[in-house]
Amino acid sequence: MNRRDFIQLVAKGTAALALTKGIGELLIRPADIHASSPKPARLVFLVDTYKCIGCGFCVKACKLENEVPFAANVSRTWVERYVVTKDRDVFADTPQEARNGFTSGRIDLGRGKFKDIPKENIAKAFFVPKLCNQCAKPSCVQVCPVGATYQTPDGVVMVDKKWCIGCGYCIMACPYGMRFFHPVTHSADKCNFCYHRITKNLPPACVQACPTGARKIGNILDPKDPVANIIMTRTVATHKPEYGTDPQIYFIGFSEEMR
């Protein structure tokens, strides 16, 4: 979109505002603003489950950076623990999104119930960081009736809290359960790669806080990008690609037990 087209678009919005009552200050959708800039990249995320130690530093950093109350049982990112027994039983938990790490070997089954698994009966155990998949074909964007959920030219799915009406359609549409209602703003919320940071050449808060380098962000369109190089040359997988949303979070050490 050039300058002339942008001015015409704003003019049309202003005219519509003058003729229609009850619209308030809405002149142009967030997606229209982002569409006016060229497509610079395709941002992706890489999670190395072999390196994740379940410390919860990423969750703490995310909550602090993005103003999600620490005590609230919702989070833009979390860490799941998986324990597979020799009998092939699979147990998974994420107590309080793992914001305090995993301080007990007991599996939290929910509703105050726990399970102790003898070490000699454990076939394997691992941690999996989770966050919004920043899908290339996001179902959440399709269902938002007001355009509050939109996609930037570099592929990041955003939520404009000023536009969000709290209908919850996007939360229900996400097949990965990555969205939630923010307990303070009462609008839809989720990971956005710390967009306010990455647009200033700063890493996402979780990436900066990870002590083992289990989380990385990169540009899949740049052949010189180290993350793109890993994705192109190593064995990686995405979570439930059968949903057809084309998720852009890639996992090293992806295990079939992941939910």
C-alpha atoms as a PDB file:
ATOM      1  CA  MET A   1       0.000   0.000   0.000  1.00  0.00           C
ATOM      2  CA  ASN A   2       1.516   3.356  -1.045  1.00  0.00           C
ATOM      3  CA  ARG A   3       1.033   6.707   0.689  1.00  0.00           C
ATOM      4  CA  ARG A   4      -1.763   7.778  -1.613  1.00  0.00           C
ATOM      5  CA  ASP A   5      -3.747   4.592  -1.077  1.00  0.00           C
ATOM      6  CA  PHE A   6      -3.225   4.874   2.671  1.00  0.00           C
ATOM      7  CA  ILE A   7      -4.593   8.442   2.724  1.00  0.00           C
ATOM      8  CA  GLN A   8      -7.597   7.359   0.665  1.00  0.00           C
ATOM      9  CA  LEU A   9      -8.254   4.477   3.054  1.00  0.00           C
ATOM     10  CA  VAL A  10      -8.172   6.802   6.063  1.00  0.00           C
ATOM     11  CA  ALA A  11     -10.426   9.272   4.276  1.00  0.00           C
ATOM     12  CA  LYS A  12     -12.985   6.571   3.557  1.00  0.00           C
ATOM     13  CA  GLY A  13     -12.903   5.519   7.200  1.00  0.00           C
ATOM     14  CA  THR A  14     -13.387   9.105   8.347  1.00  0.00           C
ATOM     15  CA  ALA A  15     -16.338   9.559   6.023  1.00  0.00           C
ATOM     16  CA  ALA A  16     -17.918   6.366   7.240  1.00  0.00           C
ATOM     17  CA  LEU A  17     -17.444   7.532  10.815  1.00  0.00           C
ATOM     18  CA  ALA A  18     -19.226  10.797  10.085  1.00  0.00           C
ATOM     19  CA  LEU A  19     -22.224   8.956   8.662  1.00  0.00           C
ATOM     20  CA  THR A  20     -22.465   6.199  11.225  1.00  0.00           C
ATOM     21  CA  LYS A  21     -23.141   6.622  14.937  1.00  0.00           C
ATOM     22  CA  GLY A  22     -21.746   4.363  17.650  1.00  0.00           C
ATOM     23  CA  ILE A  23     -18.484   3.445  15.934  1.00  0.00           C
ATOM     24  CA  GLY A  24     -16.409   5.525  18.344  1.00  0.00           C
ATOM     25  CA  GLU A  25     -12.797   6.034  17.386  1.00  0.00           C
ATOM     26  CA  LEU A  26     -12.465   3.026  15.048  1.00  0.00           C
ATOM     27  CA  LEU A  27     -10.996   4.263  11.775  1.00  0.00           C
ATOM     28  CA  ILE A  28      -8.744   1.531  10.462  1.00  0.00           C
ATOM     29  CA  ARG A  29      -8.214  -2.084  11.405  1.00  0.00           C
ATOM     30  CA  PRO A  30      -4.879  -3.170  12.905  1.00  0.00           C
ATOM     31  CA  ALA A  31      -4.367  -5.649  10.061  1.00  0.00           C
ATOM     32  CA  ASP A  32      -4.708  -2.853   7.493  1.00  0.00           C
ATOM     33  CA  ILE A  33      -1.887  -0.910   9.122  1.00  0.00           C
ATOM     34  CA  HIS A  34       0.483  -3.883   9.086  1.00  0.00           C
ATOM     35  CA  ALA A  35      -0.476  -4.737   5.504  1.00  0.00           C
ATOM     36  CA  SER A  36       0.917  -1.375   4.378  1.00  0.00           C
ATOM     37  CA  SER A  37       4.500  -2.506   5.028  1.00  0.00           C
ATOM     38  CA  PRO A  38       6.460  -4.976   2.882  1.00  0.00           C
ATOM     39  CA  LYS A  39       6.846  -8.583   3.978  1.00  0.00           C
ATOM     40  CA  PRO A  40      10.279  -8.651   5.660  1.00  0.00           C
ATOM     41  CA  ALA A  41      10.493 -12.189   6.981  1.00  0.00           C
ATOM     42  CA  ARG A  42       8.685 -15.314   8.122  1.00  0.00           C
ATOM     43  CA  LEU A  43       9.343 -15.663  11.831  1.00  0.00           C
ATOM     44  CA  VAL A  44       9.468 -19.149  13.302  1.00  0.00           C
ATOM     45  CA  PHE A  45      10.350 -20.648  16.666  1.00  0.00           C
ATOM     46  CA  LEU A  46      12.563 -23.597  17.485  1.00  0.00           C
ATOM     47  CA  VAL A  47      12.185 -25.659  20.669  1.00  0.00           C
ATOM     48  CA  ASP A  48      14.845 -28.199  21.612  1.00  0.00           C
ATOM     49  CA  THR A  49      13.229 -30.628  24.050  1.00  0.00           C
ATOM     50  CA  TYR A  50      16.593 -32.277  24.662  1.00  0.00           C
ATOM     51  CA  LYS A  51      17.836 -29.040  26.239  1.00  0.00           C
ATOM     52  CA  CYS A  52      14.762 -28.095  28.291  1.00  0.00           C
ATOM     53  CA  ILE A  53      15.286 -28.765  32.013  1.00  0.00           C
ATOM     54  CA  GLY A  54      11.864 -27.628  33.220  1.00  0.00           C
ATOM     55  CA  CYS A  55      13.225 -24.734  35.291  1.00  0.00           C
ATOM     56  CA  GLY A  56      10.268 -22.450  34.528  1.00  0.00           C
ATOM     57  CA  PHE A  57      12.448 -19.364  33.955  1.00  0.00           C
ATOM     58  CA  CYS A  58      10.778 -18.835  30.573  1.00  0.00           C
ATOM     59  CA  VAL A  59       7.322 -18.763  32.152  1.00  0.00           C
ATOM     60  CA  LYS A  60       8.394 -16.275  34.813  1.00  0.00           C
ATOM     61  CA  ALA A  61       9.999 -14.004  32.230  1.00  0.00           C
ATOM     62  CA  CYS A  62       6.975 -14.160  29.939  1.00  0.00           C
ATOM     63  CA  LYS A  63       4.493 -13.273  32.673  1.00  0.00           C
ATOM     64  CA  LEU A  64       6.610 -10.355  33.836  1.00  0.00           C
ATOM     65  CA  GLU A  65       7.291  -9.000  30.351  1.00  0.00           C
ATOM     66  CA  ASN A  66       3.709  -9.287  29.113  1.00  0.00           C
ATOM     67  CA  GLU A  67       1.883  -8.278  32.295  1.00  0.00           C
ATOM     68  CA  VAL A  68       0.102 -11.561  32.938  1.00  0.00           C
ATOM     69  CA  PRO A  69      -0.481 -11.810  36.707  1.00  0.00           C
ATOM     70  CA  PHE A  70       2.024 -14.248  38.175  1.00  0.00           C
ATOM     71  CA  ALA A  71      -0.508 -15.984  40.408  1.00  0.00           C
ATOM     72  CA  ALA A  72      -3.080 -16.416  37.633  1.00  0.00           C
ATOM     73  CA  ASN A  73      -3.379 -19.952  36.279  1.00  0.00           C
ATOM     74  CA  VAL A  74      -3.032 -18.752  32.692  1.00  0.00           C
ATOM     75  CA  SER A  75       0.113 -18.033  30.721  1.00  0.00           C
ATOM     76  CA  ARG A  76       1.334 -17.204  27.236  1.00  0.00           C
ATOM     77  CA  THR A  77       3.861 -20.017  27.502  1.00  0.00           C
ATOM     78  CA  TRP A  78       4.245 -23.012  29.753  1.00  0.00           C
ATOM     79  CA  VAL A  79       6.252 -26.200  30.142  1.00  0.00           C
ATOM     80  CA  GLU A  80       4.785 -29.699  30.169  1.00  0.00           C
ATOM     81  CA  ARG A  81       6.442 -32.691  31.822  1.00  0.00           C
ATOM     82  CA  TYR A  82       5.971 -36.123  30.291  1.00  0.00           C
ATOM     83  CA  VAL A  83       6.688 -39.414  32.018  1.00  0.00           C
ATOM     84  CA  VAL A  84       6.358 -42.673  30.079  1.00  0.00           C
ATOM     85  CA  THR A  85       6.392 -45.904  32.054  1.00  0.00           C
ATOM     86  CA  LYS A  86       7.788 -49.230  30.923  1.00  0.00           C
ATOM     87  CA  ASP A  87       4.171 -50.350  30.562  1.00  0.00           C
ATOM     88  CA  ARG A  88       3.752 -47.536  27.987  1.00  0.00           C
ATOM     89  CA  ASP A  89       1.472 -45.480  30.209  1.00  0.00           C
ATOM     90  CA  VAL A  90       1.864 -41.758  29.579  1.00  0.00           C
ATOM     91  CA  PHE A  91       1.492 -39.098  32.266  1.00  0.00           C
ATOM     92  CA  ALA A  92       1.736 -35.367  31.650  1.00  0.00           C
ATOM     93  CA  ASP A  93       1.437 -32.361  33.914  1.00  0.00           C
ATOM     94  CA  THR A  94       2.230 -28.662  34.084  1.00  0.00           C
ATOM     95  CA  PRO A  95       1.590 -27.517  37.669  1.00  0.00           C
ATOM     96  CA  GLN A  96       0.864 -23.780  37.621  1.00  0.00           C
ATOM     97  CA  GLU A  97       2.219 -23.676  34.054  1.00  0.00           C
ATOM     98  CA  ALA A  98       5.565 -24.768  35.584  1.00  0.00           C
ATOM     99  CA  ARG A  99       6.221 -21.158  36.543  1.00  0.00           C
ATOM    100  CA  ASN A 100       8.037 -22.428  39.643  1.00  0.00           C
ATOM    101  CA  GLY A 101       9.676 -25.305  37.820  1.00  0.00           C
ATOM    102  CA  PHE A 102       9.147 -28.935  38.772  1.00  0.00           C
ATOM    103  CA  THR A 103      10.081 -29.268  42.412  1.00  0.00           C
ATOM    104  CA  SER A 104       8.483 -32.657  42.985  1.00  0.00           C
ATOM    105  CA  GLY A 105       8.735 -35.998  41.241  1.00  0.00           C
ATOM    106  CA  ARG A 106       5.027 -36.590  41.780  1.00  0.00           C
ATOM    107  CA  ILE A 107       2.776 -36.194  38.763  1.00  0.00           C
ATOM    108  CA  ASP A 108      -0.004 -33.660  39.314  1.00  0.00           C
ATOM    109  CA  LEU A 109      -3.196 -35.353  38.086  1.00  0.00           C
ATOM    110  CA  GLY A 110      -5.351 -32.334  38.946  1.00  0.00           C
ATOM    111  CA  ARG A 111      -8.087 -31.795  41.520  1.00  0.00           C
ATOM    112  CA  GLY A 112      -5.650 -32.400  44.326  1.00  0.00           C
ATOM    113  CA  LYS A 113      -4.599 -35.848  43.133  1.00  0.00           C
ATOM    114  CA  PHE A 114      -0.998 -36.934  42.587  1.00  0.00           C
ATOM    115  CA  LYS A 115       0.790 -40.018  41.376  1.00  0.00           C
ATOM    116  CA  ASP A 116       4.203 -41.325  42.366  1.00  0.00           C
ATOM    117  CA  ILE A 117       5.980 -43.331  39.700  1.00  0.00           C
ATOM    118  CA  PRO A 118       8.914 -45.467  40.873  1.00  0.00           C
ATOM    119  CA  LYS A 119      12.131 -44.543  39.085  1.00  0.00           C
ATOM    120  CA  GLU A 120      12.708 -48.137  38.061  1.00  0.00           C
ATOM    121  CA  ASN A 121       9.385 -48.094  36.184  1.00  0.00           C
ATOM    122  CA  ILE A 122      10.183 -44.974  34.106  1.00  0.00           C
ATOM    123  CA  ALA A 123      11.058 -45.664  30.482  1.00  0.00           C
ATOM    124  CA  LYS A 124      11.642 -42.007  29.609  1.00  0.00           C
ATOM    125  CA  ALA A 125      10.823 -38.529  30.838  1.00  0.00           C
ATOM    126  CA  PHE A 126      11.158 -35.137  29.167  1.00  0.00           C
ATOM    127  CA  PHE A 127       9.978 -31.525  29.201  1.00  0.00           C
ATOM    128  CA  VAL A 128       8.187 -29.699  26.381  1.00  0.00           C
ATOM    129  CA  PRO A 129       7.847 -25.897  26.265  1.00  0.00           C
ATOM    130  CA  LYS A 130       4.582 -24.798  24.654  1.00  0.00           C
ATOM    131  CA  LEU A 131       3.492 -21.502  23.105  1.00  0.00           C
ATOM    132  CA  CYS A 132       1.284 -20.180  20.304  1.00  0.00           C
ATOM    133  CA  ASN A 133       2.129 -21.984  17.062  1.00  0.00           C
ATOM    134  CA  GLN A 134       1.877 -18.767  14.999  1.00  0.00           C
ATOM    135  CA  CYS A 135       0.106 -20.808  12.339  1.00  0.00           C
ATOM    136  CA  ALA A 136       0.517 -19.838   8.694  1.00  0.00           C
ATOM    137  CA  LYS A 137      -3.204 -20.591   8.303  1.00  0.00           C
ATOM    138  CA  PRO A 138      -4.559 -19.451  11.679  1.00  0.00           C
ATOM    139  CA  SER A 139      -8.121 -20.484  12.419  1.00  0.00           C
ATOM    140  CA  CYS A 140      -8.304 -17.814  15.142  1.00  0.00           C
ATOM    141  CA  VAL A 141      -7.885 -15.053  12.562  1.00  0.00           C
ATOM    142  CA  GLN A 142     -10.648 -16.491  10.402  1.00  0.00           C
ATOM    143  CA  VAL A 143     -13.280 -16.497  13.150  1.00  0.00           C
ATOM    144  CA  CYS A 144     -12.630 -13.104  14.771  1.00  0.00           C
ATOM    145  CA  PRO A 145     -15.710 -11.000  13.879  1.00  0.00           C
ATOM    146  CA  VAL A 146     -14.065  -7.598  14.445  1.00  0.00           C
ATOM    147  CA  GLY A 147     -10.516  -8.047  13.174  1.00  0.00           C
ATOM    148  CA  ALA A 148      -8.944  -7.887  16.632  1.00  0.00           C
ATOM    149  CA  THR A 149      -6.970 -11.017  15.825  1.00  0.00           C
ATOM    150  CA  TYR A 150      -4.804 -10.534  12.762  1.00  0.00           C
ATOM    151  CA  GLN A 151      -1.522 -11.619  11.204  1.00  0.00           C
ATOM    152  CA  THR A 152       1.489  -9.394  10.595  1.00  0.00           C
ATOM    153  CA  PRO A 153       3.461  -9.563   7.321  1.00  0.00           C
ATOM    154  CA  ASP A 154       6.182 -11.560   9.088  1.00  0.00           C
ATOM    155  CA  GLY A 155       3.696 -14.206  10.190  1.00  0.00           C
ATOM    156  CA  VAL A 156       3.064 -13.337  13.838  1.00  0.00           C
ATOM    157  CA  VAL A 157      -0.562 -13.642  14.943  1.00  0.00           C
ATOM    158  CA  MET A 158      -1.510 -10.680  17.111  1.00  0.00           C
ATOM    159  CA  VAL A 159      -4.400  -9.615  19.338  1.00  0.00           C
ATOM    160  CA  ASP A 160      -5.397  -5.971  19.548  1.00  0.00           C
ATOM    161  CA  LYS A 161      -6.901  -5.653  23.023  1.00  0.00           C
ATOM    162  CA  LYS A 162      -8.598  -2.363  22.175  1.00  0.00           C
ATOM    163  CA  TRP A 163     -10.558  -4.052  19.402  1.00  0.00           C
ATOM    164  CA  CYS A 164     -11.252  -7.354  21.147  1.00  0.00           C
ATOM    165  CA  ILE A 165     -14.884  -7.651  22.308  1.00  0.00           C
ATOM    166  CA  GLY A 166     -14.286 -10.766  24.400  1.00  0.00           C
ATOM    167  CA  CYS A 167     -16.557 -13.050  22.383  1.00  0.00           C
ATOM    168  CA  GLY A 168     -14.172 -15.987  22.813  1.00  0.00           C
ATOM    169  CA  TYR A 169     -14.523 -17.269  19.246  1.00  0.00           C
ATOM    170  CA  CYS A 170     -10.761 -17.269  18.718  1.00  0.00           C
ATOM    171  CA  ILE A 171     -10.181 -19.169  21.959  1.00  0.00           C
ATOM    172  CA  MET A 172     -12.615 -21.864  20.888  1.00  0.00           C
ATOM    173  CA  ALA A 173     -11.183 -21.975  17.354  1.00  0.00           C
ATOM    174  CA  CYS A 174      -7.574 -22.598  18.409  1.00  0.00           C
ATOM    175  CA  PRO A 175      -7.067 -26.382  18.141  1.00  0.00           C
ATOM    176  CA  TYR A 176      -3.984 -26.198  20.363  1.00  0.00           C
ATOM    177  CA  GLY A 177      -5.550 -24.471  23.367  1.00  0.00           C
ATOM    178  CA  MET A 178      -2.999 -21.665  23.245  1.00  0.00           C
ATOM    179  CA  ARG A 179      -5.374 -18.769  23.918  1.00  0.00           C
ATOM    180  CA  PHE A 180      -6.996 -17.539  27.118  1.00  0.00           C
ATOM    181  CA  PHE A 181      -8.908 -14.605  28.575  1.00  0.00           C
ATOM    182  CA  HIS A 182      -6.588 -12.150  30.280  1.00  0.00           C
ATOM    183  CA  PRO A 183      -7.748 -11.869  33.916  1.00  0.00           C
ATOM    184  CA  VAL A 184      -7.260  -8.092  33.992  1.00  0.00           C
ATOM    185  CA  THR A 185      -8.118  -6.818  30.506  1.00  0.00           C
ATOM    186  CA  HIS A 186     -10.754  -9.521  29.898  1.00  0.00           C
ATOM    187  CA  SER A 187      -9.644  -9.714  26.293  1.00  0.00           C
ATOM    188  CA  ALA A 188      -8.199 -12.661  24.388  1.00  0.00           C
ATOM    189  CA  ASP A 189      -4.489 -13.140  24.963  1.00  0.00           C
ATOM    190  CA  LYS A 190      -1.650 -15.400  23.834  1.00  0.00           C
ATOM    191  CA  CYS A 191       2.020 -15.457  22.877  1.00  0.00           C
ATOM    192  CA  ASN A 192       3.017 -12.986  20.166  1.00  0.00           C
ATOM    193  CA  PHE A 193       6.779 -13.702  20.209  1.00  0.00           C
ATOM    194  CA  CYS A 194       7.138 -10.533  22.350  1.00  0.00           C
ATOM    195  CA  TYR A 195       6.510  -8.528  19.201  1.00  0.00           C
ATOM    196  CA  HIS A 196       7.307  -5.269  20.974  1.00  0.00           C
ATOM    197  CA  ARG A 197      10.785  -6.676  21.623  1.00  0.00           C
ATOM    198  CA  ILE A 198      11.638  -8.437  18.383  1.00  0.00           C
ATOM    199  CA  THR A 199      10.729  -5.359  16.326  1.00  0.00           C
ATOM    200  CA  LYS A 200      13.516  -3.614  18.271  1.00  0.00           C
ATOM    201  CA  ASN A 201      15.998  -6.431  17.584  1.00  0.00           C
ATOM    202  CA  LEU A 202      15.595  -7.808  21.095  1.00  0.00           C
ATOM    203  CA  PRO A 203      14.946 -11.522  21.739  1.00  0.00           C
ATOM    204  CA  PRO A 204      11.624 -12.652  23.199  1.00  0.00           C
ATOM    205  CA  ALA A 205      11.662 -12.647  26.997  1.00  0.00           C
ATOM    206  CA  CYS A 206      11.501 -16.443  27.184  1.00  0.00           C
ATOM    207  CA  VAL A 207      14.432 -16.851  24.797  1.00  0.00           C
ATOM    208  CA  GLN A 208      16.529 -14.431  26.812  1.00  0.00           C
ATOM    209  CA  ALA A 209      15.647 -16.145  30.105  1.00  0.00           C
ATOM    210  CA  CYS A 210      16.281 -19.748  28.988  1.00  0.00           C
ATOM    211  CA  PRO A 211      19.560 -20.887  30.592  1.00  0.00           C
ATOM    212  CA  THR A 212      20.122 -23.810  28.211  1.00  0.00           C
ATOM    213  CA  GLY A 213      19.233 -22.339  24.813  1.00  0.00           C
ATOM    214  CA  ALA A 214      16.203 -24.593  24.429  1.00  0.00           C
ATOM    215  CA  ARG A 215      14.188 -21.786  22.810  1.00  0.00           C
ATOM    216  CA  LYS A 216      15.193 -19.843  19.688  1.00  0.00           C
ATOM    217  CA  ILE A 217      13.523 -17.538  17.177  1.00  0.00           C
ATOM    218  CA  GLY A 218      14.537 -17.043  13.567  1.00  0.00           C
ATOM    219  CA  ASN A 219      13.609 -16.120  10.017  1.00  0.00           C
ATOM    220  CA  ILE A 220      12.826 -19.184   7.913  1.00  0.00           C
ATOM    221  CA  LEU A 221      13.209 -17.127   4.707  1.00  0.00           C
ATOM    222  CA  ASP A 222      16.832 -16.267   5.451  1.00  0.00           C
ATOM    223  CA  PRO A 223      19.176 -19.115   4.432  1.00  0.00           C
ATOM    224  CA  LYS A 224      21.906 -17.601   6.630  1.00  0.00           C
ATOM    225  CA  ASP A 225      19.717 -17.610   9.732  1.00  0.00           C
ATOM    226  CA  PRO A 226      20.995 -20.246  12.221  1.00  0.00           C
ATOM    227  CA  VAL A 227      17.464 -21.292  13.188  1.00  0.00           C
ATOM    228  CA  ALA A 228      16.446 -21.673   9.548  1.00  0.00           C
ATOM    229  CA  ASN A 229      19.592 -23.711   8.945  1.00  0.00           C
ATOM    230  CA  ILE A 230      18.715 -26.103  11.778  1.00  0.00           C
ATOM    231  CA  ILE A 231      15.144 -26.526  10.557  1.00  0.00           C
ATOM    232  CA  MET A 232      16.323 -27.224   7.019  1.00  0.00           C
ATOM    233  CA  THR A 233      19.123 -29.650   7.893  1.00  0.00           C
ATOM    234  CA  ARG A 234      18.025 -31.499  11.007  1.00  0.00           C
ATOM    235  CA  THR A 235      15.073 -33.700  11.937  1.00  0.00           C
ATOM    236  CA  VAL A 236      12.350 -31.447  13.300  1.00  0.00           C
ATOM    237  CA  ALA A 237       8.588 -31.757  13.647  1.00  0.00           C
ATOM    238  CA  THR A 238       5.555 -29.579  14.256  1.00  0.00           C
ATOM    239  CA  HIS A 239       2.715 -30.265  16.664  1.00  0.00           C
ATOM    240  CA  LYS A 240      -0.375 -31.873  15.141  1.00  0.00           C
ATOM    241  CA  PRO A 241       0.075 -30.713  11.537  1.00  0.00           C
ATOM    242  CA  GLU A 242      -3.015 -32.752  10.659  1.00  0.00           C
ATOM    243  CA  TYR A 243      -5.114 -29.808  11.869  1.00  0.00           C
ATOM    244  CA  GLY A 244      -4.211 -28.028   8.639  1.00  0.00           C
ATOM    245  CA  THR A 245      -3.151 -24.758  10.252  1.00  0.00           C
ATOM    246  CA  ASP A 246       0.524 -25.082   9.232  1.00  0.00           C
ATOM    247  CA  PRO A 247       2.085 -24.445  12.676  1.00  0.00           C
ATOM    248  CA  GLN A 248       5.396 -22.581  12.738  1.00  0.00           C
ATOM    249  CA  ILE A 249       6.823 -23.853  16.038  1.00  0.00           C
ATOM    250  CA  TYR A 250       9.401 -26.537  15.261  1.00  0.00           C
ATOM    251  CA  PHE A 251      10.544 -29.141  17.765  1.00  0.00           C
ATOM    252  CA  ILE A 252      13.827 -30.984  18.053  1.00  0.00           C
ATOM    253  CA  GLY A 253      13.307 -34.253  19.883  1.00  0.00           C
ATOM    254  CA  PHE A 254       9.591 -34.357  19.154  1.00  0.00           C
ATOM    255  CA  SER A 255       8.035 -37.402  20.826  1.00  0.00           C
ATOM    256  CA  GLU A 256       4.878 -39.230  19.850  1.00  0.00           C
ATOM    257  CA  GLU A 257       3.603 -38.934  23.425  1.00  0.00           C
ATOM    258  CA  MET A 258       3.228 -35.152  23.152  1.00  0.00           C
ATOM    259  CA  ARG A 259      -0.354 -33.956  23.490  1.00  0.00           C
END
